[in-house]
């Protein structure tokens, strides 16, 4: 049985909303990582930054997940809920 066009339009609208939410989650995740890496403090043209992100994406697609033996770093103490300059014991 064929679906009426109104149902198809409703499905499309629902899927577009799901896509928008998924893209927002992805953008927020990538943005947080970029900020942790210090990219928020660098004055760089958007085209240059896009090219660098494309290079990174290409590397990950090939399966080359680390560069020159570098591994992911742990979250800095101040990003893990501690205030800079304070120690765990007070």
Foldseek 3Di string as FASTA:
>chain_A
DDDDVVVVVVVVVVVVVVVVVVVVVVVVVVVVVCVQVPVVVDDDDPVVVVVVVVVQVVCVVVVNNDDPPDDDDDRDPCVVPDPPPDDPVD
